[in-house]
Amino acid sequence: MLTPAHIRAARALLDITQGELAAMVGISKTAINNIERSKADPKASTLRAIESALVGAGIEFTNGGEPGVKLTRKAEP
């Protein structure tokens, strides 16, 4: 499951702002901010959209004993 920490880490690896991620997903910057600060309980569809946008930009979410985030490739602008 995608966590606020995953989203923050993925944004850092991609060097994108909350506003840029929000534009990629089609939601507000405030929504991303609230999700990252655990101030909102987003719908599963919103989390799937965020994950899809980040994966499309080159992020891989790893599973297993040490779940994490890694950059597989940086998407071209």
PDB file of N, CA and C in Angstrom:
ATOM      1  N   MET A   1       0.836  -1.182   0.000  1.00  0.00           N
ATOM      2  CA  MET A   1       0.000   0.000   0.000  1.00  0.00           C
ATOM      3  C   MET A   1       0.887   1.254   0.000  1.00  0.00           C
ATOM      4  N   LEU A   2       0.496   2.205  -0.796  1.00  0.00           N
ATOM      5  CA  LEU A   2       1.219   3.464  -0.919  1.00  0.00           C
ATOM      6  C   LEU A   2       1.035   4.296   0.351  1.00  0.00           C
ATOM      7  N   THR A   3       2.140   4.758   0.924  1.00  0.00           N
ATOM      8  CA  THR A   3       2.087   5.552   2.149  1.00  0.00           C
ATOM      9  C   THR A   3       2.527   6.986   1.866  1.00  0.00           C
ATOM     10  N   PRO A   4       2.237   7.915   2.786  1.00  0.00           N
ATOM     11  CA  PRO A   4       2.731   9.279   2.621  1.00  0.00           C
ATOM     12  C   PRO A   4       4.252   9.326   2.447  1.00  0.00           C
ATOM     13  N   ALA A   5       4.974   8.483   3.172  1.00  0.00           N
ATOM     14  CA  ALA A   5       6.435   8.453   3.060  1.00  0.00           C
ATOM     15  C   ALA A   5       6.868   8.016   1.666  1.00  0.00           C
ATOM     16  N   HIS A   6       6.160   7.044   1.084  1.00  0.00           N
ATOM     17  CA  HIS A   6       6.459   6.618  -0.284  1.00  0.00           C
ATOM     18  C   HIS A   6       6.306   7.785  -1.257  1.00  0.00           C
ATOM     19  N   ILE A   7       5.234   8.523  -1.109  1.00  0.00           N
ATOM     20  CA  ILE A   7       4.967   9.637  -2.019  1.00  0.00           C
ATOM     21  C   ILE A   7       6.051  10.700  -1.889  1.00  0.00           C
ATOM     22  N   ARG A   8       6.395  11.061  -0.654  1.00  0.00           N
ATOM     23  CA  ARG A   8       7.447  12.068  -0.433  1.00  0.00           C
ATOM     24  C   ARG A   8       8.782  11.599  -1.021  1.00  0.00           C
ATOM     25  N   ALA A   9       9.123  10.336  -0.769  1.00  0.00           N
ATOM     26  CA  ALA A   9      10.398   9.795  -1.268  1.00  0.00           C
ATOM     27  C   ALA A   9      10.414   9.770  -2.793  1.00  0.00           C
ATOM     28  N   ALA A  10       9.314   9.370  -3.388  1.00  0.00           N
ATOM     29  CA  ALA A  10       9.239   9.315  -4.848  1.00  0.00           C
ATOM     30  C   ALA A  10       9.370  10.710  -5.448  1.00  0.00           C
ATOM     31  N   ARG A  11       8.709  11.681  -4.857  1.00  0.00           N
ATOM     32  CA  ARG A  11       8.833  13.061  -5.346  1.00  0.00           C
ATOM     33  C   ARG A  11      10.264  13.541  -5.245  1.00  0.00           C
ATOM     34  N   ALA A  12      10.928  13.200  -4.149  1.00  0.00           N
ATOM     35  CA  ALA A  12      12.318  13.625  -3.958  1.00  0.00           C
ATOM     36  C   ALA A  12      13.219  12.999  -5.020  1.00  0.00           C
ATOM     37  N   LEU A  13      13.020  11.716  -5.301  1.00  0.00           N
ATOM     38  CA  LEU A  13      13.835  11.053  -6.316  1.00  0.00           C
ATOM     39  C   LEU A  13      13.611  11.660  -7.698  1.00  0.00           C
ATOM     40  N   LEU A  14      12.383  12.042  -7.968  1.00  0.00           N
ATOM     41  CA  LEU A  14      12.066  12.645  -9.264  1.00  0.00           C
ATOM     42  C   LEU A  14      12.362  14.136  -9.308  1.00  0.00           C
ATOM     43  N   ASP A  15      12.619  14.713  -8.130  1.00  0.00           N
ATOM     44  CA  ASP A  15      12.861  16.155  -8.008  1.00  0.00           C
ATOM     45  C   ASP A  15      11.676  16.951  -8.562  1.00  0.00           C
ATOM     46  N   ILE A  16      10.471  16.569  -8.084  1.00  0.00           N
ATOM     47  CA  ILE A  16       9.266  17.298  -8.471  1.00  0.00           C
ATOM     48  C   ILE A  16       8.570  17.850  -7.231  1.00  0.00           C
ATOM     49  N   THR A  17       7.821  18.906  -7.419  1.00  0.00           N
ATOM     50  CA  THR A  17       7.100  19.546  -6.318  1.00  0.00           C
ATOM     51  C   THR A  17       5.744  18.879  -6.114  1.00  0.00           C
ATOM     52  N   GLN A  18       5.113  19.230  -5.010  1.00  0.00           N
ATOM     53  CA  GLN A  18       3.756  18.755  -4.777  1.00  0.00           C
ATOM     54  C   GLN A  18       2.831  19.252  -5.882  1.00  0.00           C
ATOM     55  N   GLY A  19       3.033  20.472  -6.316  1.00  0.00           N
ATOM     56  CA  GLY A  19       2.216  21.031  -7.386  1.00  0.00           C
ATOM     57  C   GLY A  19       2.382  20.273  -8.693  1.00  0.00           C
ATOM     58  N   GLU A  20       3.615  19.886  -8.995  1.00  0.00           N
ATOM     59  CA  GLU A  20       3.859  19.121 -10.221  1.00  0.00           C
ATOM     60  C   GLU A  20       3.202  17.744 -10.154  1.00  0.00           C
ATOM     61  N   LEU A  21       3.310  17.094  -9.002  1.00  0.00           N
ATOM     62  CA  LEU A  21       2.652  15.798  -8.846  1.00  0.00           C
ATOM     63  C   LEU A  21       1.140  15.960  -8.943  1.00  0.00           C
ATOM     64  N   ALA A  22       0.618  16.988  -8.308  1.00  0.00           N
ATOM     65  CA  ALA A  22      -0.820  17.234  -8.360  1.00  0.00           C
ATOM     66  C   ALA A  22      -1.296  17.396  -9.798  1.00  0.00           C
ATOM     67  N   ALA A  23      -0.533  18.130 -10.601  1.00  0.00           N
ATOM     68  CA  ALA A  23      -0.891  18.327 -12.010  1.00  0.00           C
ATOM     69  C   ALA A  23      -0.846  17.010 -12.774  1.00  0.00           C
ATOM     70  N   MET A  24       0.124  16.159 -12.460  1.00  0.00           N
ATOM     71  CA  MET A  24       0.240  14.861 -13.124  1.00  0.00           C
ATOM     72  C   MET A  24      -0.976  13.979 -12.823  1.00  0.00           C
ATOM     73  N   VAL A  25      -1.495  14.113 -11.597  1.00  0.00           N
ATOM     74  CA  VAL A  25      -2.584  13.250 -11.139  1.00  0.00           C
ATOM     75  C   VAL A  25      -3.957  13.858 -11.438  1.00  0.00           C
ATOM     76  N   GLY A  26      -3.999  15.175 -11.523  1.00  0.00           N
ATOM     77  CA  GLY A  26      -5.277  15.844 -11.750  1.00  0.00           C
ATOM     78  C   GLY A  26      -6.032  16.150 -10.472  1.00  0.00           C
ATOM     79  N   ILE A  27      -5.269  16.379  -9.397  1.00  0.00           N
ATOM     80  CA  ILE A  27      -5.873  16.801  -8.132  1.00  0.00           C
ATOM     81  C   ILE A  27      -5.159  18.068  -7.667  1.00  0.00           C
ATOM     82  N   SER A  28      -5.625  18.648  -6.571  1.00  0.00           N
ATOM     83  CA  SER A  28      -5.041  19.905  -6.104  1.00  0.00           C
ATOM     84  C   SER A  28      -3.736  19.673  -5.337  1.00  0.00           C
ATOM     85  N   LYS A  29      -2.917  20.711  -5.314  1.00  0.00           N
ATOM     86  CA  LYS A  29      -1.682  20.677  -4.526  1.00  0.00           C
ATOM     87  C   LYS A  29      -2.025  20.486  -3.054  1.00  0.00           C
ATOM     88  N   THR A  30      -3.105  21.117  -2.614  1.00  0.00           N
ATOM     89  CA  THR A  30      -3.537  20.979  -1.220  1.00  0.00           C
ATOM     90  C   THR A  30      -3.844  19.518  -0.894  1.00  0.00           C
ATOM     91  N   ALA A  31      -4.456  18.806  -1.835  1.00  0.00           N
ATOM     92  CA  ALA A  31      -4.766  17.390  -1.610  1.00  0.00           C
ATOM     93  C   ALA A  31      -3.485  16.585  -1.425  1.00  0.00           C
ATOM     94  N   ILE A  32      -2.500  16.820  -2.297  1.00  0.00           N
ATOM     95  CA  ILE A  32      -1.209  16.113  -2.159  1.00  0.00           C
ATOM     96  C   ILE A  32      -0.573  16.447  -0.820  1.00  0.00           C
ATOM     97  N   ASN A  33      -0.575  17.724  -0.462  1.00  0.00           N
ATOM     98  CA  ASN A  33       0.004  18.160   0.807  1.00  0.00           C
ATOM     99  C   ASN A  33      -0.674  17.454   1.977  1.00  0.00           C
ATOM    100  N   ASN A  34      -1.990  17.412   1.966  1.00  0.00           N
ATOM    101  CA  ASN A  34      -2.727  16.768   3.062  1.00  0.00           C
ATOM    102  C   ASN A  34      -2.465  15.271   3.120  1.00  0.00           C
ATOM    103  N   ILE A  35      -2.350  14.629   1.965  1.00  0.00           N
ATOM    104  CA  ILE A  35      -2.057  13.189   1.933  1.00  0.00           C
ATOM    105  C   ILE A  35      -0.664  12.939   2.494  1.00  0.00           C
ATOM    106  N   GLU A  36       0.311  13.733   2.059  1.00  0.00           N
ATOM    107  CA  GLU A  36       1.691  13.542   2.529  1.00  0.00           C
ATOM    108  C   GLU A  36       1.837  13.802   4.025  1.00  0.00           C
ATOM    109  N   ARG A  37       1.012  14.673   4.574  1.00  0.00           N
ATOM    110  CA  ARG A  37       1.083  14.967   6.012  1.00  0.00           C
ATOM    111  C   ARG A  37       0.126  14.110   6.830  1.00  0.00           C
ATOM    112  N   SER A  38      -0.517  13.132   6.183  1.00  0.00           N
ATOM    113  CA  SER A  38      -1.489  12.235   6.832  1.00  0.00           C
ATOM    114  C   SER A  38      -2.655  13.002   7.430  1.00  0.00           C
ATOM    115  N   LYS A  39      -3.014  14.109   6.803  1.00  0.00           N
ATOM    116  CA  LYS A  39      -4.148  14.909   7.254  1.00  0.00           C
ATOM    117  C   LYS A  39      -5.412  14.576   6.477  1.00  0.00           C
ATOM    118  N   ALA A  40      -5.290  13.679   5.491  1.00  0.00           N
ATOM    119  CA  ALA A  40      -6.426  13.264   4.687  1.00  0.00           C
ATOM    120  C   ALA A  40      -6.388  11.750   4.539  1.00  0.00           C
ATOM    121  N   ASP A  41      -7.558  11.181   4.381  1.00  0.00           N
ATOM    122  CA  ASP A  41      -7.683   9.755   4.139  1.00  0.00           C
ATOM    123  C   ASP A  41      -8.183   9.601   2.699  1.00  0.00           C
ATOM    124  N   PRO A  42      -7.247   9.552   1.743  1.00  0.00           N
ATOM    125  CA  PRO A  42      -7.644   9.555   0.339  1.00  0.00           C
ATOM    126  C   PRO A  42      -8.347   8.272  -0.082  1.00  0.00           C
ATOM    127  N   LYS A  43      -9.170   8.407  -1.112  1.00  0.00           N
ATOM    128  CA  LYS A  43      -9.823   7.242  -1.699  1.00  0.00           C
ATOM    129  C   LYS A  43      -8.758   6.337  -2.313  1.00  0.00           C
ATOM    130  N   ALA A  44      -9.072   5.068  -2.399  1.00  0.00           N
ATOM    131  CA  ALA A  44      -8.155   4.107  -3.022  1.00  0.00           C
ATOM    132  C   ALA A  44      -7.872   4.516  -4.468  1.00  0.00           C
ATOM    133  N   SER A  45      -8.863   5.056  -5.148  1.00  0.00           N
ATOM    134  CA  SER A  45      -8.664   5.456  -6.547  1.00  0.00           C
ATOM    135  C   SER A  45      -7.667   6.609  -6.655  1.00  0.00           C
ATOM    136  N   THR A  46      -7.660   7.495  -5.672  1.00  0.00           N
ATOM    137  CA  THR A  46      -6.698   8.603  -5.666  1.00  0.00           C
ATOM    138  C   THR A  46      -5.286   8.065  -5.466  1.00  0.00           C
ATOM    139  N   LEU A  47      -5.124   7.141  -4.537  1.00  0.00           N
ATOM    140  CA  LEU A  47      -3.805   6.541  -4.309  1.00  0.00           C
ATOM    141  C   LEU A  47      -3.328   5.779  -5.532  1.00  0.00           C
ATOM    142  N   ARG A  48      -4.241   5.085  -6.211  1.00  0.00           N
ATOM    143  CA  ARG A  48      -3.863   4.375  -7.435  1.00  0.00           C
ATOM    144  C   ARG A  48      -3.423   5.363  -8.509  1.00  0.00           C
ATOM    145  N   ALA A  49      -4.105   6.504  -8.610  1.00  0.00           N
ATOM    146  CA  ALA A  49      -3.740   7.517  -9.605  1.00  0.00           C
ATOM    147  C   ALA A  49      -2.369   8.107  -9.294  1.00  0.00           C
ATOM    148  N   ILE A  50      -2.093   8.358  -8.017  1.00  0.00           N
ATOM    149  CA  ILE A  50      -0.781   8.878  -7.617  1.00  0.00           C
ATOM    150  C   ILE A  50       0.296   7.852  -7.935  1.00  0.00           C
ATOM    151  N   GLU A  51       0.050   6.604  -7.554  1.00  0.00           N
ATOM    152  CA  GLU A  51       1.031   5.548  -7.817  1.00  0.00           C
ATOM    153  C   GLU A  51       1.276   5.399  -9.317  1.00  0.00           C
ATOM    154  N   SER A  52       0.233   5.419 -10.093  1.00  0.00           N
ATOM    155  CA  SER A  52       0.358   5.280 -11.544  1.00  0.00           C
ATOM    156  C   SER A  52       1.185   6.416 -12.143  1.00  0.00           C
ATOM    157  N   ALA A  53       0.937   7.633 -11.689  1.00  0.00           N
ATOM    158  CA  ALA A  53       1.690   8.786 -12.190  1.00  0.00           C
ATOM    159  C   ALA A  53       3.162   8.668 -11.827  1.00  0.00           C
ATOM    160  N   LEU A  54       3.452   8.242 -10.611  1.00  0.00           N
ATOM    161  CA  LEU A  54       4.838   8.119 -10.175  1.00  0.00           C
ATOM    162  C   LEU A  54       5.557   6.987 -10.902  1.00  0.00           C
ATOM    163  N   VAL A  55       4.881   5.875 -11.091  1.00  0.00           N
ATOM    164  CA  VAL A  55       5.472   4.756 -11.837  1.00  0.00           C
ATOM    165  C   VAL A  55       5.733   5.185 -13.277  1.00  0.00           C
ATOM    166  N   GLY A  56       4.798   5.904 -13.862  1.00  0.00           N
ATOM    167  CA  GLY A  56       4.973   6.388 -15.220  1.00  0.00           C
ATOM    168  C   GLY A  56       6.139   7.346 -15.363  1.00  0.00           C
ATOM    169  N   ALA A  57       6.474   8.021 -14.264  1.00  0.00           N
ATOM    170  CA  ALA A  57       7.595   8.959 -14.276  1.00  0.00           C
ATOM    171  C   ALA A  57       8.934   8.281 -13.979  1.00  0.00           C
ATOM    172  N   GLY A  58       8.891   6.964 -13.670  1.00  0.00           N
ATOM    173  CA  GLY A  58      10.146   6.245 -13.470  1.00  0.00           C
ATOM    174  C   GLY A  58      10.386   5.705 -12.080  1.00  0.00           C
ATOM    175  N   ILE A  59       9.369   5.690 -11.244  1.00  0.00           N
ATOM    176  CA  ILE A  59       9.514   5.178  -9.874  1.00  0.00           C
ATOM    177  C   ILE A  59       9.089   3.726  -9.814  1.00  0.00           C
ATOM    178  N   GLU A  60       9.801   2.952  -9.006  1.00  0.00           N
ATOM    179  CA  GLU A  60       9.404   1.575  -8.715  1.00  0.00           C
ATOM    180  C   GLU A  60       9.196   1.463  -7.217  1.00  0.00           C
ATOM    181  N   PHE A  61       8.043   0.954  -6.839  1.00  0.00           N
ATOM    182  CA  PHE A  61       7.752   0.712  -5.431  1.00  0.00           C
ATOM    183  C   PHE A  61       8.116  -0.737  -5.155  1.00  0.00           C
ATOM    184  N   THR A  62       9.048  -0.944  -4.228  1.00  0.00           N
ATOM    185  CA  THR A  62       9.527  -2.288  -3.929  1.00  0.00           C
ATOM    186  C   THR A  62       8.709  -2.891  -2.810  1.00  0.00           C
ATOM    187  N   ASN A  63       8.618  -4.183  -2.799  1.00  0.00           N
ATOM    188  CA  ASN A  63       7.858  -4.906  -1.784  1.00  0.00           C
ATOM    189  C   ASN A  63       8.789  -5.825  -1.020  1.00  0.00           C
ATOM    190  N   GLY A  64       8.208  -6.557  -0.131  1.00  0.00           N
ATOM    191  CA  GLY A  64       8.987  -7.533   0.606  1.00  0.00           C
ATOM    192  C   GLY A  64       9.334  -7.058   1.997  1.00  0.00           C
ATOM    193  N   GLY A  65      10.426  -7.596   2.526  1.00  0.00           N
ATOM    194  CA  GLY A  65      10.824  -7.310   3.895  1.00  0.00           C
ATOM    195  C   GLY A  65      11.229  -5.869   4.130  1.00  0.00           C
ATOM    196  N   GLU A  66      11.633  -5.189   3.068  1.00  0.00           N
ATOM    197  CA  GLU A  66      12.041  -3.794   3.197  1.00  0.00           C
ATOM    198  C   GLU A  66      11.370  -2.960   2.116  1.00  0.00           C
ATOM    199  N   PRO A  67      10.063  -2.682   2.297  1.00  0.00           N
ATOM    200  CA  PRO A  67       9.369  -1.910   1.272  1.00  0.00           C
ATOM    201  C   PRO A  67       9.994  -0.536   1.103  1.00  0.00           C
ATOM    202  N   GLY A  68      10.048  -0.090  -0.115  1.00  0.00           N
ATOM    203  CA  GLY A  68      10.661   1.204  -0.371  1.00  0.00           C
ATOM    204  C   GLY A  68      10.353   1.725  -1.754  1.00  0.00           C
ATOM    205  N   VAL A  69      11.163   2.697  -2.147  1.00  0.00           N
ATOM    206  CA  VAL A  69      10.980   3.404  -3.407  1.00  0.00           C
ATOM    207  C   VAL A  69      12.339   3.512  -4.077  1.00  0.00           C
ATOM    208  N   LYS A  70      12.373   3.268  -5.398  1.00  0.00           N
ATOM    209  CA  LYS A  70      13.622   3.484  -6.112  1.00  0.00           C
ATOM    210  C   LYS A  70      13.319   4.075  -7.487  1.00  0.00           C
ATOM    211  N   LEU A  71      14.297   4.797  -7.987  1.00  0.00           N
ATOM    212  CA  LEU A  71      14.182   5.418  -9.296  1.00  0.00           C
ATOM    213  C   LEU A  71      14.727   4.433 -10.323  1.00  0.00           C
ATOM    214  N   THR A  72      13.880   4.024 -11.266  1.00  0.00           N
ATOM    215  CA  THR A  72      14.333   3.112 -12.302  1.00  0.00           C
ATOM    216  C   THR A  72      14.779   3.865 -13.523  1.00  0.00           C
ATOM    217  N   ARG A  73      14.129   4.962 -13.792  1.00  0.00           N
ATOM    218  CA  ARG A  73      14.489   5.856 -14.893  1.00  0.00           C
ATOM    219  C   ARG A  73      13.760   7.171 -14.670  1.00  0.00           C
ATOM    220  N   LYS A  74      14.354   8.230 -15.084  1.00  0.00           N
ATOM    221  CA  LYS A  74      13.694   9.511 -14.973  1.00  0.00           C
ATOM    222  C   LYS A  74      13.038   9.811 -16.307  1.00  0.00           C
ATOM    223  N   ALA A  75      11.743  10.023 -16.276  1.00  0.00           N
ATOM    224  CA  ALA A  75      10.998  10.296 -17.501  1.00  0.00           C
ATOM    225  C   ALA A  75      11.442  11.613 -18.089  1.00  0.00           C
ATOM    226  N   GLU A  76      11.443  11.667 -19.395  1.00  0.00           N
ATOM    227  CA  GLU A  76      11.775  12.911 -20.086  1.00  0.00           C
ATOM    228  C   GLU A  76      10.612  13.876 -19.964  1.00  0.00           C
ATOM    229  N   PRO A  77      10.907  15.173 -19.797  1.00  0.00           N
ATOM    230  CA  PRO A  77       9.811  16.147 -19.664  1.00  0.00           C
ATOM    231  C   PRO A  77       8.957  16.253 -20.890  1.00  0.00           C
TER     232      PRO A  77
END
